[in-house]
PDB file of N, CA and C in Angstrom:
ATOM      1  N   MET A   1      38.025 -17.995 -17.564  1.00  0.00           N
ATOM      2  CA  MET A   1      37.351 -18.304 -16.317  1.00  0.00           C
ATOM      3  C   MET A   1      37.342 -17.105 -15.385  1.00  0.00           C
ATOM      4  N   GLU A   2      38.455 -16.401 -15.317  1.00  0.00           N
ATOM      5  CA  GLU A   2      38.525 -15.235 -14.446  1.00  0.00           C
ATOM      6  C   GLU A   2      37.624 -14.114 -14.937  1.00  0.00           C
ATOM      7  N   SER A   3      37.444 -14.009 -16.244  1.00  0.00           N
ATOM      8  CA  SER A   3      36.582 -12.944 -16.772  1.00  0.00           C
ATOM      9  C   SER A   3      35.132 -13.182 -16.380  1.00  0.00           C
ATOM     10  N   TYR A   4      34.693 -14.451 -16.394  1.00  0.00           N
ATOM     11  CA  TYR A   4      33.325 -14.755 -15.963  1.00  0.00           C
ATOM     12  C   TYR A   4      33.124 -14.396 -14.497  1.00  0.00           C
ATOM     13  N   PHE A   5      34.107 -14.732 -13.698  1.00  0.00           N
ATOM     14  CA  PHE A   5      34.017 -14.429 -12.270  1.00  0.00           C
ATOM     15  C   PHE A   5      33.945 -12.924 -12.037  1.00  0.00           C
ATOM     16  N   SER A   6      34.737 -12.162 -12.753  1.00  0.00           N
ATOM     17  CA  SER A   6      34.733 -10.709 -12.572  1.00  0.00           C
ATOM     18  C   SER A   6      33.433 -10.082 -13.055  1.00  0.00           C
ATOM     19  N   VAL A   7      32.837 -10.602 -14.124  1.00  0.00           N
ATOM     20  CA  VAL A   7      31.557 -10.090 -14.620  1.00  0.00           C
ATOM     21  C   VAL A   7      30.444 -10.392 -13.618  1.00  0.00           C
ATOM     22  N   ILE A   8      30.408 -11.594 -13.097  1.00  0.00           N
ATOM     23  CA  ILE A   8      29.400 -11.967 -12.096  1.00  0.00           C
ATOM     24  C   ILE A   8      29.582 -11.124 -10.837  1.00  0.00           C
ATOM     25  N   PHE A   9      30.814 -10.941 -10.420  1.00  0.00           N
ATOM     26  CA  PHE A   9      31.091 -10.126  -9.238  1.00  0.00           C
ATOM     27  C   PHE A   9      30.625  -8.685  -9.457  1.00  0.00           C
ATOM     28  N   LEU A  10      30.863  -8.139 -10.644  1.00  0.00           N
ATOM     29  CA  LEU A  10      30.436  -6.772 -10.962  1.00  0.00           C
ATOM     30  C   LEU A  10      28.922  -6.644 -10.915  1.00  0.00           C
ATOM     31  N   PHE A  11      28.203  -7.615 -11.510  1.00  0.00           N
ATOM     32  CA  PHE A  11      26.745  -7.584 -11.474  1.00  0.00           C
ATOM     33  C   PHE A  11      26.213  -7.706 -10.051  1.00  0.00           C
ATOM     34  N   ALA A  12      26.836  -8.520  -9.229  1.00  0.00           N
ATOM     35  CA  ALA A  12      26.416  -8.668  -7.836  1.00  0.00           C
ATOM     36  C   ALA A  12      26.572  -7.346  -7.085  1.00  0.00           C
ATOM     37  N   ILE A  13      27.669  -6.663  -7.302  1.00  0.00           N
ATOM     38  CA  ILE A  13      27.891  -5.380  -6.634  1.00  0.00           C
ATOM     39  C   ILE A  13      26.879  -4.344  -7.108  1.00  0.00           C
ATOM     40  N   LEU A  14      26.630  -4.292  -8.413  1.00  0.00           N
ATOM     41  CA  LEU A  14      25.643  -3.341  -8.941  1.00  0.00           C
ATOM     42  C   LEU A  14      24.253  -3.631  -8.403  1.00  0.00           C
ATOM     43  N   PHE A  15      23.898  -4.920  -8.303  1.00  0.00           N
ATOM     44  CA  PHE A  15      22.602  -5.299  -7.759  1.00  0.00           C
ATOM     45  C   PHE A  15      22.449  -4.819  -6.321  1.00  0.00           C
ATOM     46  N   ILE A  16      23.472  -5.012  -5.517  1.00  0.00           N
ATOM     47  CA  ILE A  16      23.428  -4.593  -4.115  1.00  0.00           C
ATOM     48  C   ILE A  16      23.312  -3.069  -4.018  1.00  0.00           C
ATOM     49  N   ILE A  17      24.035  -2.352  -4.838  1.00  0.00           N
ATOM     50  CA  ILE A  17      23.992  -0.877  -4.800  1.00  0.00           C
ATOM     51  C   ILE A  17      22.607  -0.369  -5.185  1.00  0.00           C
ATOM     52  N   PHE A  18      22.030  -0.901  -6.274  1.00  0.00           N
ATOM     53  CA  PHE A  18      20.713  -0.446  -6.710  1.00  0.00           C
ATOM     54  C   PHE A  18      19.635  -0.804  -5.696  1.00  0.00           C
ATOM     55  N   ARG A  19      19.761  -1.957  -5.057  1.00  0.00           N
ATOM     56  CA  ARG A  19      18.779  -2.348  -4.051  1.00  0.00           C
ATOM     57  C   ARG A  19      18.833  -1.416  -2.841  1.00  0.00           C
ATOM     58  N   GLN A  20      20.021  -1.052  -2.405  1.00  0.00           N
ATOM     59  CA  GLN A  20      20.154  -0.140  -1.276  1.00  0.00           C
ATOM     60  C   GLN A  20      19.614   1.245  -1.635  1.00  0.00           C
ATOM     61  N   GLN A  21      19.838   1.691  -2.869  1.00  0.00           N
ATOM     62  CA  GLN A  21      19.304   2.988  -3.287  1.00  0.00           C
ATOM     63  C   GLN A  21      17.790   2.972  -3.271  1.00  0.00           C
ATOM     64  N   LYS A  22      17.185   1.886  -3.741  1.00  0.00           N
ATOM     65  CA  LYS A  22      15.725   1.778  -3.754  1.00  0.00           C
ATOM     66  C   LYS A  22      15.179   1.841  -2.331  1.00  0.00           C
ATOM     67  N   GLN A  23      15.792   1.113  -1.413  1.00  0.00           N
ATOM     68  CA  GLN A  23      15.348   1.132  -0.024  1.00  0.00           C
ATOM     69  C   GLN A  23      15.507   2.524   0.581  1.00  0.00           C
ATOM     70  N   TYR A  24      16.584   3.219   0.241  1.00  0.00           N
ATOM     71  CA  TYR A  24      16.808   4.568   0.745  1.00  0.00           C
ATOM     72  C   TYR A  24      15.730   5.516   0.223  1.00  0.00           C
ATOM     73  N   ILE A  25      15.372   5.402  -1.039  1.00  0.00           N
ATOM     74  CA  ILE A  25      14.348   6.272  -1.628  1.00  0.00           C
ATOM     75  C   ILE A  25      13.003   6.025  -0.966  1.00  0.00           C
ATOM     76  N   ILE A  26      12.641   4.765  -0.749  1.00  0.00           N
ATOM     77  CA  ILE A  26      11.361   4.448  -0.103  1.00  0.00           C
ATOM     78  C   ILE A  26      11.339   4.984   1.323  1.00  0.00           C
ATOM     79  N   LYS A  27      12.434   4.816   2.068  1.00  0.00           N
ATOM     80  CA  LYS A  27      12.489   5.337   3.436  1.00  0.00           C
ATOM     81  C   LYS A  27      12.365   6.854   3.450  1.00  0.00           C
ATOM     82  N   ARG A  28      12.976   7.513   2.481  1.00  0.00           N
ATOM     83  CA  ARG A  28      12.899   8.964   2.400  1.00  0.00           C
ATOM     84  C   ARG A  28      11.475   9.425   2.084  1.00  0.00           C
ATOM     85  N   MET A  29      10.785   8.688   1.189  1.00  0.00           N
ATOM     86  CA  MET A  29       9.402   9.033   0.866  1.00  0.00           C
ATOM     87  C   MET A  29       8.508   8.882   2.086  1.00  0.00           C
ATOM     88  N   ILE A  30       8.720   7.811   2.835  1.00  0.00           N
ATOM     89  CA  ILE A  30       7.908   7.560   4.022  1.00  0.00           C
ATOM     90  C   ILE A  30       8.174   8.621   5.084  1.00  0.00           C
ATOM     91  N   SER A  31       9.432   8.995   5.276  1.00  0.00           N
ATOM     92  CA  SER A  31       9.739  10.000   6.290  1.00  0.00           C
ATOM     93  C   SER A  31       9.142  11.358   5.930  1.00  0.00           C
ATOM     94  N   LYS A  32       9.039  11.671   4.657  1.00  0.00           N
ATOM     95  CA  LYS A  32       8.402  12.922   4.242  1.00  0.00           C
ATOM     96  C   LYS A  32       6.907  12.888   4.504  1.00  0.00           C
ATOM     97  N   ARG A  33       6.312  11.698   4.429  1.00  0.00           N
ATOM     98  CA  ARG A  33       4.872  11.565   4.604  1.00  0.00           C
ATOM     99  C   ARG A  33       4.469  11.461   6.067  1.00  0.00           C
ATOM    100  N   LYS A  34       5.408  11.290   6.980  1.00  0.00           N
ATOM    101  CA  LYS A  34       5.056  11.176   8.394  1.00  0.00           C
ATOM    102  C   LYS A  34       4.224  12.381   8.809  1.00  0.00           C
ATOM    103  N   GLY A  35       3.167  12.099   9.514  1.00  0.00           N
ATOM    104  CA  GLY A  35       2.279  13.181   9.925  1.00  0.00           C
ATOM    105  C   GLY A  35       1.106  13.333   8.978  1.00  0.00           C
ATOM    106  N   SER A  36       1.261  12.903   7.737  1.00  0.00           N
ATOM    107  CA  SER A  36       0.148  12.998   6.802  1.00  0.00           C
ATOM    108  C   SER A  36      -0.862  11.882   7.049  1.00  0.00           C
ATOM    109  N   GLY A  37      -0.485  10.913   7.883  1.00  0.00           N
ATOM    110  CA  GLY A  37      -1.405   9.846   8.243  1.00  0.00           C
ATOM    111  C   GLY A  37      -2.609  10.371   9.004  1.00  0.00           C
ATOM    112  N   LYS A  38      -2.430  11.436   9.747  1.00  0.00           N
ATOM    113  CA  LYS A  38      -3.555  12.044  10.473  1.00  0.00           C
ATOM    114  C   LYS A  38      -4.584  12.587   9.487  1.00  0.00           C
ATOM    115  N   ASP A  39      -4.102  13.186   8.394  1.00  0.00           N
ATOM    116  CA  ASP A  39      -5.022  13.676   7.373  1.00  0.00           C
ATOM    117  C   ASP A  39      -5.753  12.523   6.713  1.00  0.00           C
ATOM    118  N   MET A  40      -5.044  11.424   6.477  1.00  0.00           N
ATOM    119  CA  MET A  40      -5.662  10.262   5.842  1.00  0.00           C
ATOM    120  C   MET A  40      -6.728   9.660   6.749  1.00  0.00           C
ATOM    121  N   LEU A  41      -6.524   9.680   8.055  1.00  0.00           N
ATOM    122  CA  LEU A  41      -7.543   9.177   8.984  1.00  0.00           C
ATOM    123  C   LEU A  41      -8.815  10.011   8.906  1.00  0.00           C
ATOM    124  N   LYS A  42      -8.663  11.323   8.824  1.00  0.00           N
ATOM    125  CA  LYS A  42      -9.831  12.195   8.717  1.00  0.00           C
ATOM    126  C   LYS A  42     -10.592  11.928   7.428  1.00  0.00           C
ATOM    127  N   LEU A  43      -9.866  11.725   6.351  1.00  0.00           N
ATOM    128  CA  LEU A  43     -10.508  11.456   5.072  1.00  0.00           C
ATOM    129  C   LEU A  43     -11.149  10.067   5.035  1.00  0.00           C
ATOM    130  N   ALA A  44     -10.542   9.107   5.727  1.00  0.00           N
ATOM    131  CA  ALA A  44     -11.045   7.731   5.712  1.00  0.00           C
ATOM    132  C   ALA A  44     -12.334   7.577   6.513  1.00  0.00           C
ATOM    133  N   GLU A  45     -12.640   8.517   7.371  1.00  0.00           N
ATOM    134  CA  GLU A  45     -13.857   8.420   8.185  1.00  0.00           C
ATOM    135  C   GLU A  45     -15.122   8.366   7.342  1.00  0.00           C
ATOM    136  N   GLN A  46     -15.105   8.952   6.171  1.00  0.00           N
ATOM    137  CA  GLN A  46     -16.293   8.939   5.320  1.00  0.00           C
ATOM    138  C   GLN A  46     -16.535   7.571   4.669  1.00  0.00           C
ATOM    139  N   PHE A  47     -15.577   6.642   4.795  1.00  0.00           N
ATOM    140  CA  PHE A  47     -15.709   5.324   4.197  1.00  0.00           C
ATOM    141  C   PHE A  47     -16.085   4.243   5.209  1.00  0.00           C
ATOM    142  N   ILE A  48     -16.420   4.598   6.427  1.00  0.00           N
ATOM    143  CA  ILE A  48     -16.777   3.607   7.446  1.00  0.00           C
ATOM    144  C   ILE A  48     -18.028   2.853   6.992  1.00  0.00           C
ATOM    145  N   GLY A  49     -17.939   1.520   7.020  1.00  0.00           N
ATOM    146  CA  GLY A  49     -19.046   0.664   6.608  1.00  0.00           C
ATOM    147  C   GLY A  49     -19.087   0.377   5.118  1.00  0.00           C
ATOM    148  N   LYS A  50     -18.188   0.940   4.348  1.00  0.00           N
ATOM    149  CA  LYS A  50     -18.181   0.735   2.901  1.00  0.00           C
ATOM    150  C   LYS A  50     -17.013  -0.172   2.515  1.00  0.00           C
ATOM    151  N   ARG A  51     -17.190  -0.872   1.416  1.00  0.00           N
ATOM    152  CA  ARG A  51     -16.117  -1.717   0.888  1.00  0.00           C
ATOM    153  C   ARG A  51     -15.189  -0.838   0.056  1.00  0.00           C
ATOM    154  N   CYS A  52     -13.902  -0.883   0.359  1.00  0.00           N
ATOM    155  CA  CYS A  52     -12.939   0.021  -0.266  1.00  0.00           C
ATOM    156  C   CYS A  52     -11.688  -0.720  -0.708  1.00  0.00           C
ATOM    157  N   ILE A  53     -10.926  -0.039  -1.570  1.00  0.00           N
ATOM    158  CA  ILE A  53      -9.608  -0.502  -1.982  1.00  0.00           C
ATOM    159  C   ILE A  53      -8.602   0.482  -1.409  1.00  0.00           C
ATOM    160  N   PHE A  54      -7.635  -0.028  -0.654  1.00  0.00           N
ATOM    161  CA  PHE A  54      -6.581   0.798  -0.078  1.00  0.00           C
ATOM    162  C   PHE A  54      -5.299   0.542  -0.862  1.00  0.00           C
ATOM    163  N   TYR A  55      -4.729   1.588  -1.404  1.00  0.00           N
ATOM    164  CA  TYR A  55      -3.487   1.484  -2.166  1.00  0.00           C
ATOM    165  C   TYR A  55      -2.335   1.926  -1.267  1.00  0.00           C
ATOM    166  N   THR A  56      -1.351   1.041  -1.117  1.00  0.00           N
ATOM    167  CA  THR A  56      -0.150   1.378  -0.366  1.00  0.00           C
ATOM    168  C   THR A  56       1.020   1.415  -1.345  1.00  0.00           C
ATOM    169  N   PHE A  57       2.230   1.551  -0.837  1.00  0.00           N
ATOM    170  CA  PHE A  57       3.387   1.659  -1.713  1.00  0.00           C
ATOM    171  C   PHE A  57       3.606   0.417  -2.563  1.00  0.00           C
ATOM    172  N   ASN A  58       3.309  -0.751  -2.030  1.00  0.00           N
ATOM    173  CA  ASN A  58       3.625  -1.964  -2.769  1.00  0.00           C
ATOM    174  C   ASN A  58       2.480  -2.963  -2.878  1.00  0.00           C
ATOM    175  N   SER A  59       1.277  -2.624  -2.442  1.00  0.00           N
ATOM    176  CA  SER A  59       0.181  -3.581  -2.517  1.00  0.00           C
ATOM    177  C   SER A  59      -1.164  -2.872  -2.481  1.00  0.00           C
ATOM    178  N   GLN A  60      -2.211  -3.673  -2.622  1.00  0.00           N
ATOM    179  CA  GLN A  60      -3.576  -3.190  -2.508  1.00  0.00           C
ATOM    180  C   GLN A  60      -4.304  -4.074  -1.502  1.00  0.00           C
ATOM    181  N   VAL A  61      -5.161  -3.464  -0.713  1.00  0.00           N
ATOM    182  CA  VAL A  61      -5.944  -4.205   0.264  1.00  0.00           C
ATOM    183  C   VAL A  61      -7.409  -3.882   0.007  1.00  0.00           C
ATOM    184  N   VAL A  62      -8.230  -4.925  -0.119  1.00  0.00           N
ATOM    185  CA  VAL A  62      -9.657  -4.752  -0.355  1.00  0.00           C
ATOM    186  C   VAL A  62     -10.399  -5.243   0.871  1.00  0.00           C
ATOM    187  N   GLY A  63     -11.312  -4.423   1.382  1.00  0.00           N
ATOM    188  CA  GLY A  63     -12.088  -4.838   2.532  1.00  0.00           C
ATOM    189  C   GLY A  63     -13.046  -3.756   2.983  1.00  0.00           C
ATOM    190  N   THR A  64     -13.855  -4.098   3.964  1.00  0.00           N
ATOM    191  CA  THR A  64     -14.833  -3.167   4.520  1.00  0.00           C
ATOM    192  C   THR A  64     -14.218  -2.448   5.711  1.00  0.00           C
ATOM    193  N   VAL A  65     -14.336  -1.139   5.729  1.00  0.00           N
ATOM    194  CA  VAL A  65     -13.787  -0.339   6.826  1.00  0.00           C
ATOM    195  C   VAL A  65     -14.704  -0.496   8.029  1.00  0.00           C
ATOM    196  N   LYS A  66     -14.167  -1.033   9.104  1.00  0.00           N
ATOM    197  CA  LYS A  66     -14.957  -1.250  10.316  1.00  0.00           C
ATOM    198  C   LYS A  66     -14.772  -0.124  11.329  1.00  0.00           C
ATOM    199  N   GLU A  67     -13.533   0.297  11.509  1.00  0.00           N
ATOM    200  CA  GLU A  67     -13.254   1.270  12.561  1.00  0.00           C
ATOM    201  C   GLU A  67     -11.994   2.049  12.204  1.00  0.00           C
ATOM    202  N   ILE A  68     -11.963   3.288  12.624  1.00  0.00           N
ATOM    203  CA  ILE A  68     -10.779   4.112  12.416  1.00  0.00           C
ATOM    204  C   ILE A  68     -10.294   4.560  13.781  1.00  0.00           C
ATOM    205  N   GLY A  69      -9.075   4.114  14.105  1.00  0.00           N
ATOM    206  CA  GLY A  69      -8.500   4.451  15.398  1.00  0.00           C
ATOM    207  C   GLY A  69      -7.500   5.580  15.273  1.00  0.00           C
ATOM    208  N   GLU A  70      -6.788   5.810  16.352  1.00  0.00           N
ATOM    209  CA  GLU A  70      -5.820   6.902  16.389  1.00  0.00           C
ATOM    210  C   GLU A  70      -4.596   6.607  15.523  1.00  0.00           C
ATOM    211  N   ASN A  71      -4.217   5.319  15.437  1.00  0.00           N
ATOM    212  CA  ASN A  71      -2.998   4.963  14.714  1.00  0.00           C
ATOM    213  C   ASN A  71      -3.225   3.994  13.565  1.00  0.00           C
ATOM    214  N   GLY A  72      -4.471   3.689  13.227  1.00  0.00           N
ATOM    215  CA  GLY A  72      -4.687   2.724  12.165  1.00  0.00           C
ATOM    216  C   GLY A  72      -6.129   2.648  11.712  1.00  0.00           C
ATOM    217  N   ILE A  73      -6.304   1.905  10.623  1.00  0.00           N
ATOM    218  CA  ILE A  73      -7.622   1.692  10.030  1.00  0.00           C
ATOM    219  C   ILE A  73      -7.902   0.191  10.106  1.00  0.00           C
ATOM    220  N   LEU A  74      -9.004  -0.191  10.750  1.00  0.00           N
ATOM    221  CA  LEU A  74      -9.385  -1.594  10.891  1.00  0.00           C
ATOM    222  C   LEU A  74     -10.237  -1.990   9.692  1.00  0.00           C
ATOM    223  N   ILE A  75      -9.790  -3.047   8.993  1.00  0.00           N
ATOM    224  CA  ILE A  75     -10.459  -3.494   7.774  1.00  0.00           C
ATOM    225  C   ILE A  75     -10.825  -4.965   7.933  1.00  0.00           C
ATOM    226  N   GLU A  76     -12.027  -5.322   7.479  1.00  0.00           N
ATOM    227  CA  GLU A  76     -12.458  -6.710   7.504  1.00  0.00           C
ATOM    228  C   GLU A  76     -12.462  -7.248   6.080  1.00  0.00           C
ATOM    229  N   GLU A  77     -11.664  -8.300   5.854  1.00  0.00           N
ATOM    230  CA  GLU A  77     -11.616  -8.989   4.572  1.00  0.00           C
ATOM    231  C   GLU A  77     -12.239 -10.363   4.778  1.00  0.00           C
ATOM    232  N   LYS A  78     -13.387 -10.594   4.198  1.00  0.00           N
ATOM    233  CA  LYS A  78     -14.122 -11.844   4.373  1.00  0.00           C
ATOM    234  C   LYS A  78     -14.249 -12.138   5.864  1.00  0.00           C
ATOM    235  N   GLU A  79     -13.425 -13.028   6.405  1.00  0.00           N
ATOM    236  CA  GLU A  79     -13.503 -13.355   7.835  1.00  0.00           C
ATOM    237  C   GLU A  79     -12.297 -12.850   8.612  1.00  0.00           C
ATOM    238  N   ASN A  80     -11.351 -12.207   7.937  1.00  0.00           N
ATOM    239  CA  ASN A  80     -10.118 -11.764   8.586  1.00  0.00           C
ATOM    240  C   ASN A  80     -10.171 -10.278   8.897  1.00  0.00           C
ATOM    241  N   LEU A  81      -9.554  -9.901  10.001  1.00  0.00           N
ATOM    242  CA  LEU A  81      -9.401  -8.500  10.347  1.00  0.00           C
ATOM    243  C   LEU A  81      -7.970  -8.081  10.076  1.00  0.00           C
ATOM    244  N   GLN A  82      -7.825  -6.849   9.641  1.00  0.00           N
ATOM    245  CA  GLN A  82      -6.497  -6.344   9.301  1.00  0.00           C
ATOM    246  C   GLN A  82      -6.436  -4.872   9.689  1.00  0.00           C
ATOM    247  N   ILE A  83      -5.282  -4.443  10.159  1.00  0.00           N
ATOM    248  CA  ILE A  83      -5.080  -3.034  10.498  1.00  0.00           C
ATOM    249  C   ILE A  83      -4.034  -2.469   9.553  1.00  0.00           C
ATOM    250  N   ILE A  84      -4.343  -1.311   8.974  1.00  0.00           N
ATOM    251  CA  ILE A  84      -3.420  -0.656   8.052  1.00  0.00           C
ATOM    252  C   ILE A  84      -2.920   0.624   8.693  1.00  0.00           C
ATOM    253  N   ASN A  85      -1.628   0.846   8.588  1.00  0.00           N
ATOM    254  CA  ASN A  85      -1.019   2.078   9.059  1.00  0.00           C
ATOM    255  C   ASN A  85      -1.322   3.187   8.043  1.00  0.00           C
ATOM    256  N   PRO A  86      -1.964   4.269   8.443  1.00  0.00           N
ATOM    257  CA  PRO A  86      -2.337   5.319   7.482  1.00  0.00           C
ATOM    258  C   PRO A  86      -1.148   6.070   6.892  1.00  0.00           C
ATOM    259  N   ASP A  87       0.035   5.948   7.503  1.00  0.00           N
ATOM    260  CA  ASP A  87       1.217   6.596   6.931  1.00  0.00           C
ATOM    261  C   ASP A  87       1.608   5.968   5.598  1.00  0.00           C
ATOM    262  N   TYR A  88       1.234   4.711   5.386  1.00  0.00           N
ATOM    263  CA  TYR A  88       1.605   4.007   4.158  1.00  0.00           C
ATOM    264  C   TYR A  88       0.512   4.048   3.094  1.00  0.00           C
ATOM    265  N   VAL A  89      -0.661   4.537   3.416  1.00  0.00           N
ATOM    266  CA  VAL A  89      -1.767   4.587   2.454  1.00  0.00           C
ATOM    267  C   VAL A  89      -1.601   5.799   1.558  1.00  0.00           C
ATOM    268  N   SER A  90      -1.617   5.549   0.245  1.00  0.00           N
ATOM    269  CA  SER A  90      -1.494   6.659  -0.696  1.00  0.00           C
ATOM    270  C   SER A  90      -2.831   7.005  -1.332  1.00  0.00           C
ATOM    271  N   ARG A  91      -3.775   6.055  -1.345  1.00  0.00           N
ATOM    272  CA  ARG A  91      -5.062   6.301  -1.993  1.00  0.00           C
ATOM    273  C   ARG A  91      -6.115   5.382  -1.405  1.00  0.00           C
ATOM    274  N   ILE A  92      -7.334   5.898  -1.233  1.00  0.00           N
ATOM    275  CA  ILE A  92      -8.471   5.096  -0.804  1.00  0.00           C
ATOM    276  C   ILE A  92      -9.561   5.265  -1.855  1.00  0.00           C
ATOM    277  N   ARG A  93     -10.138   4.145  -2.269  1.00  0.00           N
ATOM    278  CA  ARG A  93     -11.165   4.197  -3.307  1.00  0.00           C
ATOM    279  C   ARG A  93     -12.300   3.267  -2.926  1.00  0.00           C
ATOM    280  N   GLU A  94     -13.536   3.741  -3.056  1.00  0.00           N
ATOM    281  CA  GLU A  94     -14.673   2.873  -2.811  1.00  0.00           C
ATOM    282  C   GLU A  94     -14.733   1.833  -3.913  1.00  0.00           C
ATOM    283  N   TYR A  95     -15.023   0.600  -3.541  1.00  0.00           N
ATOM    284  CA  TYR A  95     -15.026  -0.487  -4.518  1.00  0.00           C
ATOM    285  C   TYR A  95     -16.112  -0.217  -5.564  1.00  0.00           C
ATOM    286  N   PRO A  96     -15.764  -0.240  -6.856  1.00  0.00           N
ATOM    287  CA  PRO A  96     -16.738   0.127  -7.892  1.00  0.00           C
ATOM    288  C   PRO A  96     -17.837  -0.911  -8.073  1.00  0.00           C
ATOM    289  N   ARG A  97     -18.976  -0.437  -8.512  1.00  0.00           N
ATOM    290  CA  ARG A  97     -20.141  -1.290  -8.773  1.00  0.00           C
ATOM    291  C   ARG A  97     -20.518  -1.194 -10.245  1.00  0.00           C
ATOM    292  N   ASN A  98     -21.210  -2.240 -10.737  1.00  0.00           N
ATOM    293  CA  ASN A  98     -21.680  -2.199 -12.112  1.00  0.00           C
ATOM    294  C   ASN A  98     -23.064  -1.544 -12.175  1.00  0.00           C
ATOM    295  N   LYS A  99     -23.688  -1.597 -13.334  1.00  0.00           N
ATOM    296  CA  LYS A  99     -24.973  -0.914 -13.526  1.00  0.00           C
ATOM    297  C   LYS A  99     -26.084  -1.494 -12.658  1.00  0.00           C
ATOM    298  N   LYS A 100     -25.986  -2.768 -12.321  1.00  0.00           N
ATOM    299  CA  LYS A 100     -27.007  -3.420 -11.501  1.00  0.00           C
ATOM    300  C   LYS A 100     -26.778  -3.221 -10.010  1.00  0.00           C
ATOM    301  N   GLY A 101     -25.697  -2.566  -9.643  1.00  0.00           N
ATOM    302  CA  GLY A 101     -25.413  -2.305  -8.240  1.00  0.00           C
ATOM    303  C   GLY A 101     -24.552  -3.356  -7.564  1.00  0.00           C
ATOM    304  N   LYS A 102     -24.135  -4.364  -8.335  1.00  0.00           N
ATOM    305  CA  LYS A 102     -23.275  -5.402  -7.766  1.00  0.00           C
ATOM    306  C   LYS A 102     -21.825  -4.969  -7.891  1.00  0.00           C
ATOM    307  N   TYR A 103     -20.984  -5.543  -7.015  1.00  0.00           N
ATOM    308  CA  TYR A 103     -19.557  -5.231  -7.079  1.00  0.00           C
ATOM    309  C   TYR A 103     -18.963  -5.803  -8.360  1.00  0.00           C
ATOM    310  N   LYS A 104     -18.091  -5.052  -8.994  1.00  0.00           N
ATOM    311  CA  LYS A 104     -17.445  -5.508 -10.223  1.00  0.00           C
ATOM    312  C   LYS A 104     -16.473  -6.641  -9.923  1.00  0.00           C
ATOM    313  N   ASP A 105     -16.358  -7.545 -10.897  1.00  0.00           N
ATOM    314  CA  ASP A 105     -15.432  -8.674 -10.740  1.00  0.00           C
ATOM    315  C   ASP A 105     -14.004  -8.265 -11.088  1.00  0.00           C
ATOM    316  N   VAL A 106     -13.855  -7.443 -12.121  1.00  0.00           N
ATOM    317  CA  VAL A 106     -12.539  -7.049 -12.600  1.00  0.00           C
ATOM    318  C   VAL A 106     -12.425  -5.531 -12.549  1.00  0.00           C
ATOM    319  N   ILE A 107     -11.321  -5.048 -11.997  1.00  0.00           N
ATOM    320  CA  ILE A 107     -11.094  -3.612 -11.897  1.00  0.00           C
ATOM    321  C   ILE A 107      -9.795  -3.297 -12.643  1.00  0.00           C
ATOM    322  N   PHE A 108      -9.885  -2.392 -13.594  1.00  0.00           N
ATOM    323  CA  PHE A 108      -8.699  -1.966 -14.319  1.00  0.00           C
ATOM    324  C   PHE A 108      -8.247  -0.632 -13.741  1.00  0.00           C
ATOM    325  N   ASP A 109      -7.073  -0.651 -13.148  1.00  0.00           N
ATOM    326  CA  ASP A 109      -6.595   0.558 -12.476  1.00  0.00           C
ATOM    327  C   ASP A 109      -5.159   0.797 -12.770  1.00  0.00           C
TER     328      ASP A 109
END
């Protein structure tokens, strides 16, 4: 019984350590990128009015770029508005179209 408890306790400690390391690495990556958001805003200006895919560290956002402000990018998804912090954007891609000019249903990326 004590051996099971010690094994579970060991796994719990390892889980906590690895989780803290992951958070530290992500924070370090973000702090290195600070200031690069200004460059991303300049690059995003060419996508105003177009439907795009925004890739961040942990998700993707699809929507039409409505406005680019000093500290964020305003995106319209169907009927919702959303603002993305450019410091977290790693890639912007125009939504692909098929041969007929319609938006593709499935994107392999």
